[in-house]
Protein backbone atom coordinates (compact mmCIF):
# COMPACT_ATOMS: atom_id res chain seq x y z
CA MET A 1 117.60 80.19 93.83
CA VAL A 2 115.01 78.44 91.57
CA GLN A 3 113.98 76.24 94.54
CA HIS A 4 113.58 79.40 96.61
CA VAL A 5 111.40 80.96 93.91
CA GLU A 6 109.37 77.69 93.69
CA GLN A 7 108.85 77.67 97.41
CA ASN A 8 107.70 81.27 97.34
CA LEU A 9 105.34 80.44 94.48
CA GLN A 10 103.91 77.55 96.51
CA LEU A 11 103.47 79.66 99.59
CA MET A 12 101.78 82.43 97.53
CA THR A 13 99.53 79.90 95.88
CA LYS A 14 98.46 78.58 99.25
CA ARG A 15 97.78 82.15 100.41
CA ALA A 16 95.68 82.82 97.30
CA VAL A 17 93.71 79.56 97.69
CA LYS A 18 93.11 80.46 101.42
CA ALA A 19 91.90 83.98 100.44
CA GLU A 20 89.61 82.50 97.79
CA ASN A 21 88.18 80.00 100.25
CA ASN A 22 87.74 82.86 102.83
CA ALA A 23 85.97 84.98 100.14
CA THR A 24 83.66 82.13 99.31
CA LYS A 25 82.85 81.64 102.96
CA LEU A 26 82.20 85.37 103.39
CA LYS A 27 79.94 85.42 100.37
CA GLN A 28 77.94 82.60 101.82
CA GLU A 29 77.64 84.49 105.10
CA ASN A 30 76.60 87.55 103.20
CA ALA A 31 73.88 85.66 101.39
CA LEU A 32 72.62 84.25 104.70
CA LEU A 33 72.50 87.69 106.22
CA GLN A 34 70.66 89.11 103.24
CA VAL A 35 68.01 86.40 103.67
CA GLN A 36 67.83 87.30 107.45
CA LEU A 37 67.46 90.91 106.57
CA LYS A 38 64.68 90.15 104.15
CA ASN A 39 62.91 88.17 106.84
CA TYR A 40 63.23 91.08 109.23
CA GLN A 41 61.83 93.45 106.58
CA THR A 42 58.91 91.10 106.03
CA GLU A 43 58.29 91.01 109.78
CA ASN A 44 58.42 94.76 109.88
CA GLU A 45 55.84 94.95 107.16
CA ALA A 46 53.64 92.52 109.08
CA LEU A 47 53.89 94.79 112.09
CA ARG A 48 52.77 97.77 110.08
CA SER A 49 49.69 95.80 108.80
CA GLY A 50 48.53 95.06 112.36
CA GLN A 51 49.95 91.70 113.26
CA SER A 52 51.38 91.35 116.79
CA ALA A 53 55.10 91.74 117.37
CA SER A 54 57.28 94.28 119.01
CA LEU A 55 58.59 96.99 116.78
CA ALA A 56 61.55 97.39 119.08
CA VAL A 57 62.54 93.76 118.59
CA VAL A 58 62.28 94.11 114.87
CA LYS A 59 64.42 97.19 114.95
CA GLN A 60 66.94 95.53 117.15
CA ASN A 61 66.98 92.52 114.75
CA ALA A 62 67.36 94.78 111.74
CA ASP A 63 70.21 96.65 113.42
CA LEU A 64 71.95 93.37 114.32
CA ALA A 65 71.56 92.16 110.75
CA LEU A 66 72.90 95.46 109.40
CA GLN A 67 75.97 95.25 111.79
CA ASN A 68 76.63 91.60 110.68
CA LEU A 69 76.27 92.57 107.03
CA LEU A 70 78.70 95.47 107.42
CA THR A 71 81.08 93.07 109.11
CA VAL A 72 80.83 90.59 106.30
CA ILE A 73 81.38 93.33 103.73
CA THR A 74 84.52 94.61 105.56
CA ASN A 75 85.93 91.08 105.80
CA SER A 76 85.09 90.36 102.13
CA ARG A 77 87.02 93.48 101.07
CA THR A 78 89.99 92.40 103.13
CA SER A 79 89.91 88.94 101.55
CA ILE A 80 89.66 90.38 98.12
CA LYS A 81 92.60 92.68 98.72
CA GLN A 82 94.64 89.70 99.95
CA LEU A 83 93.58 87.64 96.90
CA VAL A 84 94.64 90.48 94.54
CA SER A 85 97.88 90.93 96.43
CA GLY A 86 98.54 87.20 96.16
CA ALA A 87 97.85 87.24 92.47
CA GLU A 88 100.22 90.17 91.98
CA SER A 89 102.91 88.29 93.87
CA LEU A 90 102.32 85.21 91.74
CA GLN A 91 102.71 87.34 88.66
CA LEU A 92 105.98 88.71 89.97
CA VAL A 93 107.20 85.13 90.56
CA ALA A 94 106.14 84.12 87.11
CA ASP A 95 108.04 87.11 85.62
CA LEU A 96 111.07 86.11 87.65
CA LEU A 97 110.90 82.58 86.36
CA LYS A 98 110.69 83.92 82.81
CA SER A 99 113.79 86.06 83.52
CA ILE A 100 115.66 83.03 84.80
CA ASP A 101 114.78 81.06 81.66
CA ARG A 102 116.09 84.01 79.54
CA ILE A 103 119.27 84.23 81.57
CA SER A 104 119.91 80.53 81.22
CA GLU A 105 119.26 80.70 77.39
CA LEU A 106 121.76 83.59 77.10
CA SER A 107 124.30 81.63 79.14
CA GLU A 108 123.95 78.55 76.96
CA ASP A 109 124.20 80.70 73.70
CA GLY A 110 127.31 82.41 75.00
CA GLN A 111 129.10 79.20 75.81
């Protein structure tokens, strides 16, 4: 039973690490998209001040950046939820391991 609990703990730890890595990756993507969005905003301001560029292209780029940003946000939330779920599962396993220690201590005292 202890081996089974340890295997579950290892599996949950792997899931938590994977979720953390995914969250880090999504944060990096988010930062990149924010830079892109800032560039598009700068380009938009340049258009307003008379420099040549197509407003339609700028709007399309901004819309694309917004869609990408929203996708990253959604994926980040999913990863964070998975991470929290993994942490809760690890806490449950830790509580079970504590219970096993108490049970074995009671068994030894009773003998």
